[in-house]
């Protein structure tokens, strides 16, 4: 069934519930400890007024959601090839999006949306600080039908309906199994998981302090209890428990985000689908991918497994509610054959490495001095002046050894390979990544050279794209300048658009 989006229309009426619940959740987060304090510290009579206040806030959220629903309309202007959205209660806003500027369309379904039987649709374009438009409640048929309309190019003569989409035979299908996701959770994303766990622990500590202040809990008692608990177990047991907990968290995070990860190629687009609780479907145009990257560490290499990243034009800011990382799409758990198939889908062929540029050994100088020699020297000076620090000198030697090894590996892996069609930058220490771009995606090129490097002909190169920068350091400057002239010639002579 082909829906008519040429006339202004509203979301599903269930959108009132979705918007009201979202507003209530935000208010609950903001007033959580105030509400706890109100119930604990106030007597029974005041608690009644608190409940009345909460009821008024809930009613206000429902009224706000109702008027937001009434004032939110959208329609498709087929003649101008524009998607127009009107919204706002007090200040009326109109958003106009050119169809050829749309990078991806996301069809999501949270737990609440799944319960009431609606979907959320988000439209992303380059240059914004979040999703341009978010429709919070739309039925499944309308969501997929609108998606097809939005991603239809100006040159298409026919419009594909939802039924056409389902009946189309995909050109390529990639499915990631649960066993593969388990291996991904054990072998990758260590840095992200550590950062999330650290942030969560810091949040718990901060909130625990608030609770202790509210209930007047003695901090010395809590501290002594924690220390007595720690002495029961040996350090090895504590480290083992923490390591197991970290791996469990990493695996759970991987399943939550990438469960039933599937990539399907239709005639013009790639459909990425994944999610354990909140299912997310993202449709992108491969031609709008700016940088294609794949990475692999030692364990993944032994398991014939790697992760891929598709980078589109950067928004210049983070997404709301942490739903997406900029405009970057991740495909985890591919093997080498599946990687090659995905590269064909996106780049139309498998990129091969051509002439390879390697950095000069002076690549090591600044990192070794500022990251190793200088901090270790400061630590040693303090250690010989402060007796309490002196027993930890051995850690400085370990830090110096491991740090130099990591910098040296970074130097050995830092490479730039160039042929007529592709530029491939290789880098990394543990996860070795390969970033691939085509010269037509380059927006600007910057070269630089320190004065003391002129005699040895060493310089830096930076390729600016809409999805970020690719840097190559301490390469042969004369060779780099020849590359720049060649790439500028390709950009000027070619007819391809970076978007």
Protein backbone atom coordinates (compact mmCIF):
# COMPACT_ATOMS: atom_id res chain seq x y z
CA UNK A 1 0.00 0.00 0.00
CA UNK A 2 1.50 3.33 -1.14
CA UNK A 3 0.73 6.09 1.37
CA UNK A 4 0.17 9.69 0.27
CA UNK A 5 2.51 12.00 2.17
CA UNK A 6 1.87 15.07 0.02
CA UNK A 7 -0.66 16.45 2.52
CA UNK A 8 0.22 17.52 6.09
CA UNK A 9 -0.45 14.75 8.58
CA UNK A 10 0.17 14.02 12.24
CA UNK A 11 1.85 11.21 14.08
CA UNK A 12 -0.12 8.32 15.52
CA UNK A 13 -2.23 9.35 18.51
CA UNK A 14 -0.12 6.96 20.58
CA UNK A 15 2.60 9.57 20.19
CA UNK A 16 0.96 11.43 23.07
CA UNK A 17 1.81 8.55 25.39
CA UNK A 18 5.38 8.28 24.07
CA UNK A 19 6.07 12.02 24.45
CA UNK A 20 4.45 12.12 27.90
CA UNK A 21 6.54 9.19 29.15
CA UNK A 22 9.76 10.74 27.78
CA UNK A 23 8.99 14.01 29.55
CA UNK A 24 8.17 12.20 32.81
CA UNK A 25 11.47 10.27 32.64
CA UNK A 26 13.43 13.51 32.22
CA UNK A 27 11.64 15.12 35.15
CA UNK A 28 12.20 12.02 37.31
CA UNK A 29 15.93 12.11 36.63
CA UNK A 30 16.11 15.80 37.47
CA UNK A 31 14.01 15.58 40.66
CA UNK A 32 14.92 12.07 41.86
CA UNK A 33 16.81 12.99 45.03
CA UNK A 34 14.47 15.88 45.78
CA UNK A 35 11.55 13.42 45.79
CA UNK A 36 13.43 10.97 48.05
CA UNK A 37 14.25 13.77 50.45
CA UNK A 38 10.64 14.98 50.42
CA UNK A 39 9.24 11.54 51.32
CA UNK A 40 11.87 10.74 53.96
CA UNK A 41 12.19 14.07 55.74
CA UNK A 42 8.62 15.29 55.61
CA UNK A 43 5.81 13.97 57.74
CA UNK A 44 2.65 12.28 56.59
CA UNK A 45 0.77 15.52 55.97
CA UNK A 46 3.57 16.90 53.80
CA UNK A 47 3.86 13.64 51.91
CA UNK A 48 0.26 14.15 50.80
CA UNK A 49 1.16 17.52 49.32
CA UNK A 50 4.17 15.92 47.65
CA UNK A 51 1.92 13.35 46.00
CA UNK A 52 -0.43 16.12 44.86
CA UNK A 53 2.56 17.96 43.37
CA UNK A 54 3.65 14.81 41.55
CA UNK A 55 0.13 14.36 40.19
CA UNK A 56 0.11 17.95 38.91
CA UNK A 57 3.47 17.39 37.18
CA UNK A 58 2.18 14.20 35.53
CA UNK A 59 -0.91 16.02 34.31
CA UNK A 60 1.25 18.87 32.99
CA UNK A 61 3.42 16.35 31.09
CA UNK A 62 0.31 14.81 29.54
CA UNK A 63 -1.06 18.23 28.50
CA UNK A 64 2.32 19.22 27.06
CA UNK A 65 2.49 15.98 25.08
CA UNK A 66 -1.04 16.50 23.75
CA UNK A 67 -0.34 20.00 22.43
CA UNK A 68 3.00 18.84 20.99
CA UNK A 69 1.09 16.13 19.14
CA UNK A 70 -1.45 18.63 17.79
CA UNK A 71 1.23 21.02 16.53
CA UNK A 72 3.50 18.40 14.96
CA UNK A 73 2.78 17.83 11.25
CA UNK A 74 4.88 16.63 8.34
CA UNK A 75 4.48 16.24 4.60
CA UNK A 76 6.49 15.55 1.45
CA UNK A 77 6.72 18.19 -1.28
CA UNK A 78 7.35 16.05 -4.36
CA UNK A 79 7.78 18.98 -6.75
CA UNK A 80 10.53 20.62 -4.70
CA UNK A 81 11.84 17.27 -3.44
CA UNK A 82 11.60 18.49 0.16
CA UNK A 83 10.41 17.02 3.45
CA UNK A 84 8.68 19.67 5.56
CA UNK A 85 8.04 19.44 9.31
CA UNK A 86 6.08 21.93 11.43
CA UNK A 87 6.36 21.73 15.22
CA UNK A 88 6.36 23.75 18.42
CA UNK A 89 3.78 24.89 20.96
CA UNK A 90 4.67 28.50 21.77
CA UNK A 91 7.32 29.05 19.10
CA UNK A 92 6.30 27.53 15.80
CA UNK A 93 9.22 26.04 13.85
CA UNK A 94 9.37 24.78 10.30
CA UNK A 95 12.13 22.41 9.19
CA UNK A 96 12.72 21.89 5.48
CA UNK A 97 15.01 19.07 4.40
CA UNK A 98 16.19 18.52 0.84
CA UNK A 99 15.79 14.83 -0.02
CA UNK A 100 19.23 14.59 -1.63
CA UNK A 101 20.80 15.82 1.64
CA UNK A 102 19.41 12.95 3.71
CA UNK A 103 22.22 10.61 4.77
CA UNK A 104 20.28 7.94 6.61
CA UNK A 105 16.84 7.08 7.93
CA UNK A 106 16.54 5.18 11.21
CA UNK A 107 13.45 3.17 12.10
CA UNK A 108 13.63 2.28 15.80
CA UNK A 109 11.34 0.63 18.29
CA UNK A 110 11.90 1.07 22.02
CA UNK A 111 10.24 -1.07 24.69
CA UNK A 112 7.41 1.45 25.12
CA UNK A 113 6.88 1.74 21.37
CA UNK A 114 6.88 -2.04 21.07
CA UNK A 115 4.18 -2.32 23.76
CA UNK A 116 1.82 0.15 22.10
CA UNK A 117 2.64 -1.04 18.57
CA UNK A 118 4.30 1.98 16.95
CA UNK A 119 7.74 2.86 15.56
CA UNK A 120 10.03 5.85 15.79
CA UNK A 121 11.56 7.36 12.66
CA UNK A 122 14.61 9.63 12.63
CA UNK A 123 16.12 11.48 9.71
CA UNK A 124 19.81 12.43 9.71
CA UNK A 125 21.49 14.94 7.45
CA UNK A 126 25.04 16.25 7.32
CA UNK A 127 25.90 19.34 9.33
CA UNK A 128 23.36 19.05 12.17
CA UNK A 129 23.98 18.45 15.85
CA UNK A 130 21.56 15.58 16.15
CA UNK A 131 18.73 14.07 14.17
CA UNK A 132 17.06 16.70 12.00
CA UNK A 133 13.61 15.21 12.55
CA UNK A 134 12.34 12.64 15.03
CA UNK A 135 8.87 11.19 14.56
CA UNK A 136 8.10 9.36 17.80
CA UNK A 137 5.00 7.38 16.82
CA UNK A 138 4.17 6.04 13.37
CA UNK A 139 2.77 2.69 12.25
CA UNK A 140 5.06 0.15 10.59
CA UNK A 141 3.68 0.41 7.06
CA UNK A 142 3.82 4.22 7.07
CA UNK A 143 7.32 4.19 8.56
CA UNK A 144 8.82 1.99 5.84
CA UNK A 145 6.78 3.67 3.13
CA UNK A 146 7.96 7.13 4.23
CA UNK A 147 11.52 5.82 4.38
CA UNK A 148 11.31 4.78 0.72
CA UNK A 149 9.94 8.18 -0.27
CA UNK A 150 12.66 10.03 1.63
CA UNK A 151 15.49 8.02 0.12
CA UNK A 152 14.13 8.18 -3.43
CA UNK A 153 16.48 10.19 -5.62
CA UNK A 154 15.38 12.95 -7.97
CA UNK A 155 16.20 10.78 -10.98
CA UNK A 156 13.98 7.87 -10.03
CA UNK A 157 10.82 7.59 -12.08
CA UNK A 158 9.02 5.13 -9.84
CA UNK A 159 8.53 5.02 -6.11
CA UNK A 160 9.08 1.79 -4.22
CA UNK A 161 6.48 0.77 -1.72
CA UNK A 162 6.91 -1.37 1.35
CA UNK A 163 5.64 -4.40 -0.56
CA UNK A 164 8.24 -3.78 -3.29
CA UNK A 165 10.96 -3.57 -0.65
CA UNK A 166 9.96 -6.89 0.87
CA UNK A 167 9.69 -8.67 -2.50
CA UNK A 168 13.04 -7.40 -3.80
CA UNK A 169 15.78 -10.01 -3.84
CA UNK A 170 18.74 -8.53 -1.94
CA UNK A 171 22.10 -8.44 -3.73
CA UNK A 172 23.96 -9.39 -0.57
CA UNK A 173 23.07 -10.46 2.96
CA UNK A 174 25.30 -10.55 6.03
CA UNK A 175 24.10 -12.00 9.34
CA UNK A 176 26.16 -12.08 12.52
CA UNK A 177 25.45 -15.11 14.72
CA UNK A 178 25.16 -15.10 18.51
CA UNK A 179 28.36 -17.14 18.81
CA UNK A 180 30.22 -14.54 16.78
CA UNK A 181 28.84 -11.76 18.98
CA UNK A 182 30.07 -13.68 22.04
CA UNK A 183 33.57 -13.76 20.56
CA UNK A 184 33.33 -10.06 19.71
CA UNK A 185 32.42 -9.28 23.32
CA UNK A 186 35.47 -11.19 24.56
CA UNK A 187 37.97 -9.69 22.12
CA UNK A 188 37.04 -6.07 21.39
CA UNK A 189 35.75 -2.73 22.68
CA UNK A 190 37.87 -2.89 25.84
CA UNK A 191 38.45 0.86 25.90
CA UNK A 192 34.76 1.75 25.52
CA UNK A 193 33.70 -0.73 28.19
CA UNK A 194 36.33 0.52 30.64
CA UNK A 195 35.20 4.10 30.04
CA UNK A 196 31.54 3.18 30.60
CA UNK A 197 32.29 1.20 33.77
CA UNK A 198 34.45 4.03 35.13
CA UNK A 199 31.75 6.60 34.42
CA UNK A 200 29.13 4.37 36.06
CA UNK A 201 31.27 3.85 39.18
CA UNK A 202 31.94 7.59 39.48
CA UNK A 203 28.22 8.23 39.13
CA UNK A 204 27.44 5.68 41.87
CA UNK A 205 30.02 7.25 44.19
CA UNK A 206 28.57 10.70 43.63
CA UNK A 207 25.01 9.54 44.21
CA UNK A 208 26.06 7.51 47.27
CA UNK A 209 27.47 10.68 48.80
CA UNK A 210 24.13 12.41 48.27
CA UNK A 211 22.28 9.51 49.90
CA UNK A 212 24.66 9.52 52.90
CA UNK A 213 24.11 13.26 53.31
CA UNK A 214 20.33 12.88 53.13
CA UNK A 215 20.18 10.01 55.63
CA UNK A 216 23.13 11.26 57.77
CA UNK A 217 25.12 8.03 57.36
CA UNK A 218 28.53 8.04 59.01
CA UNK A 219 31.22 7.96 56.29
CA UNK A 220 33.78 6.39 58.64
CA UNK A 221 31.52 3.37 59.17
CA UNK A 222 31.13 2.90 55.40
CA UNK A 223 34.88 3.21 54.88
CA UNK A 224 35.76 0.71 57.62
CA UNK A 225 33.16 -1.76 56.30
CA UNK A 226 34.62 -1.53 52.79
CA UNK A 227 38.20 -2.03 54.06
CA UNK A 228 37.21 -5.02 56.21
CA UNK A 229 35.46 -6.58 53.20
CA UNK A 230 38.55 -6.03 51.04
CA UNK A 231 40.85 -7.73 53.55
CA UNK A 232 38.76 -10.92 53.48
CA UNK A 233 39.77 -11.63 49.90
CA UNK A 234 43.26 -11.67 48.46
CA UNK A 235 44.32 -9.22 45.76
CA UNK A 236 44.42 -12.01 43.15
CA UNK A 237 40.80 -12.97 43.85
CA UNK A 238 39.65 -9.34 43.63
CA UNK A 239 41.48 -8.86 40.30
CA UNK A 240 40.01 -12.12 38.94
CA UNK A 241 36.48 -11.12 39.97
CA UNK A 242 36.89 -7.67 38.40
CA UNK A 243 38.22 -9.21 35.18
CA UNK A 244 35.30 -11.65 34.94
CA UNK A 245 32.83 -8.86 35.69
CA UNK A 246 34.44 -6.72 32.98
CA UNK A 247 34.19 -9.49 30.37
CA UNK A 248 30.56 -10.20 31.31
CA UNK A 249 29.75 -6.50 30.96
CA UNK A 250 31.52 -6.32 27.61
CA UNK A 251 29.66 -9.37 26.27
CA UNK A 252 26.30 -8.08 27.58
CA UNK A 253 26.94 -4.66 26.03
CA UNK A 254 27.79 -6.28 22.69
CA UNK A 255 24.61 -8.39 22.68
CA UNK A 256 22.47 -5.42 23.72
CA UNK A 257 23.73 -3.26 20.86
CA UNK A 258 24.40 -5.74 18.03
CA UNK A 259 22.00 -8.64 18.65
CA UNK A 260 20.74 -10.11 15.34
CA UNK A 261 22.97 -7.75 13.38
CA UNK A 262 22.00 -8.03 9.73
CA UNK A 263 23.10 -6.10 6.64
CA UNK A 264 21.03 -6.28 3.46
CA UNK A 265 21.83 -4.55 0.17
CA UNK A 266 18.92 -3.34 -1.92
CA UNK A 267 19.17 -1.60 -5.27
CA UNK A 268 20.30 1.77 -3.95
CA UNK A 269 20.88 1.37 -0.22
CA UNK A 270 22.22 -0.70 2.66
CA UNK A 271 19.87 -1.71 5.47
CA UNK A 272 21.50 -2.31 8.86
CA UNK A 273 19.34 -3.91 11.54
CA UNK A 274 20.35 -4.74 15.13
CA UNK A 275 19.33 -4.45 18.77
CA UNK A 276 18.26 -6.73 21.62
CA UNK A 277 15.56 -4.70 23.37
CA UNK A 278 15.29 -1.58 21.21
CA UNK A 279 15.46 -2.67 17.59
CA UNK A 280 17.13 -0.20 15.24
CA UNK A 281 16.89 -0.26 11.44
CA UNK A 282 19.18 2.13 9.57
CA UNK A 283 19.05 2.70 5.84
CA UNK A 284 22.02 4.47 4.25
CA UNK A 285 23.25 5.31 0.78
CA UNK A 286 26.70 3.73 0.25
CA UNK A 287 27.76 6.68 -1.92
CA UNK A 288 27.44 8.98 1.10
CA UNK A 289 29.91 6.99 3.20
CA UNK A 290 33.01 9.18 3.52
CA UNK A 291 35.47 6.84 5.26
CA UNK A 292 35.35 3.04 5.36
CA UNK A 293 37.41 1.50 8.15
CA UNK A 294 38.12 -2.02 9.35
CA UNK A 295 40.18 -2.98 12.39
CA UNK A 296 41.54 -6.15 13.92
CA UNK A 297 43.57 -7.08 17.01
CA UNK A 298 45.70 -10.14 17.78
CA UNK A 299 42.87 -12.29 19.18
CA UNK A 300 40.52 -11.38 16.32
CA UNK A 301 43.20 -12.23 13.76
CA UNK A 302 43.49 -15.73 15.26
CA UNK A 303 39.70 -16.10 15.07
CA UNK A 304 39.47 -14.68 11.50
CA UNK A 305 37.24 -11.85 12.71
CA UNK A 306 37.28 -8.06 12.38
CA UNK A 307 35.13 -4.98 12.95
CA UNK A 308 34.07 -2.46 10.32
CA UNK A 309 33.07 1.19 10.67
CA UNK A 310 31.23 3.34 8.13
CA UNK A 311 31.74 7.06 8.69
CA UNK A 312 29.40 9.57 7.11
CA UNK A 313 29.49 13.36 7.23
CA UNK A 314 30.06 14.48 10.82
CA UNK A 315 27.31 16.34 12.65
CA UNK A 316 29.72 18.52 14.64
CA UNK A 317 28.16 17.41 17.95
CA UNK A 318 26.97 14.39 19.91
CA UNK A 319 23.61 12.80 19.47
CA UNK A 320 20.89 13.37 21.98
CA UNK A 321 20.53 10.76 24.70
CA UNK A 322 23.65 8.98 23.45
CA UNK A 323 21.65 7.04 20.87
CA UNK A 324 24.32 7.24 18.20
CA UNK A 325 27.98 8.10 18.00
CA UNK A 326 27.94 11.05 15.60
CA UNK A 327 27.11 9.57 12.20
CA UNK A 328 29.19 6.40 12.50
CA UNK A 329 27.83 2.91 11.87
CA UNK A 330 29.60 -0.16 13.26
CA UNK A 331 29.52 -3.69 11.83
CA UNK A 332 31.19 -6.18 14.16
CA UNK A 333 32.26 -9.80 13.79
CA UNK A 334 32.91 -9.95 10.04
CA UNK A 335 35.33 -12.46 8.56
CA UNK A 336 37.68 -11.56 5.71
CA UNK A 337 35.25 -12.79 3.03
CA UNK A 338 32.35 -10.79 4.47
CA UNK A 339 34.61 -7.75 4.75
CA UNK A 340 35.42 -7.99 1.03
CA UNK A 341 31.72 -8.28 0.18
CA UNK A 342 30.92 -5.17 2.24
CA UNK A 343 33.76 -3.26 0.60
CA UNK A 344 32.29 -4.18 -2.79
CA UNK A 345 28.87 -2.92 -1.66
CA UNK A 346 30.28 0.42 -0.52
CA UNK A 347 33.26 1.05 -2.82
CA UNK A 348 32.16 -1.13 -5.77
CA UNK A 349 35.48 -3.00 -5.65
CA UNK A 350 38.03 -4.30 -3.17
CA UNK A 351 40.70 -1.62 -2.59
CA UNK A 352 44.26 -2.79 -3.03
CA UNK A 353 47.30 -1.19 -1.47
CA UNK A 354 49.59 0.56 -3.93
CA UNK A 355 52.71 2.60 -3.25
CA UNK A 356 53.33 2.64 0.50
CA UNK A 357 54.82 5.59 2.39
CA UNK A 358 56.56 4.91 5.71
CA UNK A 359 57.36 7.50 8.41
CA UNK A 360 60.87 8.62 9.30
CA UNK A 361 62.35 7.32 12.59
CA UNK A 362 61.91 10.84 14.00
CA UNK A 363 58.28 9.80 14.43
CA UNK A 364 59.45 8.42 17.79
CA UNK A 365 61.11 11.59 19.14
CA UNK A 366 58.24 13.69 20.50
CA UNK A 367 56.10 10.84 21.92
CA UNK A 368 59.10 9.29 23.66
CA UNK A 369 60.17 12.60 25.19
CA UNK A 370 56.78 13.99 26.27
CA UNK A 371 55.03 10.73 27.17
CA UNK A 372 57.94 8.76 28.66
CA UNK A 373 61.15 10.62 29.48
CA UNK A 374 59.60 13.80 30.87
CA UNK A 375 56.96 12.18 33.18
CA UNK A 376 59.41 9.51 34.40
CA UNK A 377 62.05 12.18 35.11
CA UNK A 378 59.53 14.21 37.15
CA UNK A 379 58.49 11.06 39.02
CA UNK A 380 62.11 10.15 39.86
CA UNK A 381 62.81 13.66 41.16
CA UNK A 382 59.77 13.42 43.43
CA UNK A 383 60.68 9.86 44.47
CA UNK A 384 64.13 10.89 45.74
CA UNK A 385 62.63 13.83 47.61
CA UNK A 386 59.60 12.06 49.09
CA UNK A 387 60.40 8.76 50.85
CA UNK A 388 56.81 7.47 50.55
CA UNK A 389 57.08 7.43 46.75
CA UNK A 390 60.53 5.81 46.53
CA UNK A 391 59.27 2.17 46.83
CA UNK A 392 57.29 2.65 43.60
CA UNK A 393 60.33 3.37 41.39
CA UNK A 394 59.96 -0.10 39.89
CA UNK A 395 56.59 0.92 38.41
CA UNK A 396 58.33 3.76 36.57
CA UNK A 397 60.68 1.26 34.90
CA UNK A 398 57.72 -0.92 33.87
CA UNK A 399 55.89 2.17 32.55
CA UNK A 400 58.96 3.22 30.55
CA UNK A 401 59.37 -0.24 29.01
CA UNK A 402 55.72 -0.78 28.09
CA UNK A 403 55.34 2.81 26.87
CA UNK A 404 58.33 2.60 24.55
CA UNK A 405 57.09 -0.73 23.17
CA UNK A 406 53.66 0.77 22.41
CA UNK A 407 55.14 3.84 20.70
CA UNK A 408 57.46 1.64 18.64
CA UNK A 409 54.53 -0.55 17.52
CA UNK A 410 52.62 2.59 16.58
CA UNK A 411 55.61 3.69 14.48
CA UNK A 412 55.86 0.30 12.72
CA UNK A 413 52.13 0.25 11.90
CA UNK A 414 51.90 3.88 10.72
CA UNK A 415 51.64 3.59 6.92
CA UNK A 416 49.97 5.34 3.96
CA UNK A 417 49.21 3.32 0.82
CA UNK A 418 48.11 5.04 -2.37
CA UNK A 419 46.91 3.92 -5.79
CA UNK A 420 44.90 5.67 -8.49
CA UNK A 421 41.52 4.96 -6.86
CA UNK A 422 42.03 4.70 -3.11
CA UNK A 423 43.96 6.05 -0.15
CA UNK A 424 44.52 3.60 2.72
CA UNK A 425 45.87 4.77 6.09
CA UNK A 426 47.08 2.01 8.46
CA UNK A 427 47.64 2.76 12.14
CA UNK A 428 47.16 1.46 15.67
CA UNK A 429 48.87 -0.34 18.55
CA UNK A 430 46.53 -3.13 19.66
CA UNK A 431 43.63 -2.68 17.25
CA UNK A 432 45.26 -2.18 13.84
CA UNK A 433 42.90 -0.13 11.66
CA UNK A 434 42.78 0.54 7.93
CA UNK A 435 40.95 3.72 6.88
CA UNK A 436 39.93 3.86 3.22
CA UNK A 437 38.82 6.90 1.25
CA UNK A 438 38.52 7.77 -2.42
CA UNK A 439 40.16 11.02 -3.58
CA UNK A 440 36.79 12.51 -4.61
CA UNK A 441 35.76 12.53 -0.91
CA UNK A 442 38.66 14.83 0.01
CA UNK A 443 37.45 18.34 0.85
CA UNK A 444 40.78 19.95 1.76
CA UNK A 445 44.45 18.99 2.08
CA UNK A 446 46.93 20.40 4.58
CA UNK A 447 50.69 19.84 4.50
CA UNK A 448 53.14 21.12 7.11
CA UNK A 449 56.84 20.90 7.88
CA UNK A 450 58.90 21.92 10.90
CA UNK A 451 61.82 24.24 9.99
CA UNK A 452 64.37 21.76 11.34
CA UNK A 453 62.94 19.03 9.09
CA UNK A 454 63.53 20.86 5.80
CA UNK A 455 67.06 19.57 5.40
CA UNK A 456 65.93 15.94 5.82
CA UNK A 457 62.77 16.39 3.68
CA UNK A 458 60.24 15.20 6.32
CA UNK A 459 56.71 16.59 6.71
CA UNK A 460 53.09 15.97 7.67
CA UNK A 461 49.94 15.40 5.66
CA UNK A 462 46.29 15.86 6.68
CA UNK A 463 43.35 14.89 4.47
CA UNK A 464 40.15 16.66 5.52
CA UNK A 465 36.86 14.90 4.81
CA UNK A 466 33.28 15.50 5.93
CA UNK A 467 33.61 12.55 8.33
CA UNK A 468 36.91 13.55 9.92
CA UNK A 469 40.61 13.83 9.20
CA UNK A 470 43.22 11.31 8.10
CA UNK A 471 46.76 12.22 9.18
CA UNK A 472 50.12 10.88 8.09
CA UNK A 473 53.16 12.06 10.05
CA UNK A 474 56.86 12.31 9.27
CA UNK A 475 56.67 11.06 5.70
CA UNK A 476 58.85 12.02 2.75
CA UNK A 477 57.78 15.61 2.09
CA UNK A 478 58.62 15.67 -1.62
CA UNK A 479 56.59 12.50 -2.16
CA UNK A 480 53.72 13.94 -0.10
CA UNK A 481 53.66 17.11 -2.23
CA UNK A 482 53.45 15.02 -5.40
CA UNK A 483 50.52 13.13 -3.90
CA UNK A 484 48.76 16.39 -3.05
CA UNK A 485 49.11 17.66 -6.62
CA UNK A 486 47.80 14.37 -7.99
CA UNK A 487 44.78 14.31 -5.65
CA UNK A 488 43.94 17.94 -6.43
CA UNK A 489 44.07 17.08 -10.12
CA UNK A 490 41.73 14.12 -9.56
CA UNK A 491 39.25 16.28 -7.61
CA UNK A 492 39.30 19.02 -10.24
CA UNK A 493 39.08 16.64 -13.20
CA UNK A 494 36.45 14.29 -11.74
CA UNK A 495 32.69 14.73 -11.75
CA UNK A 496 31.92 12.80 -8.56
CA UNK A 497 30.25 14.56 -5.68
CA UNK A 498 31.60 13.99 -2.16
CA UNK A 499 28.00 13.51 -0.97
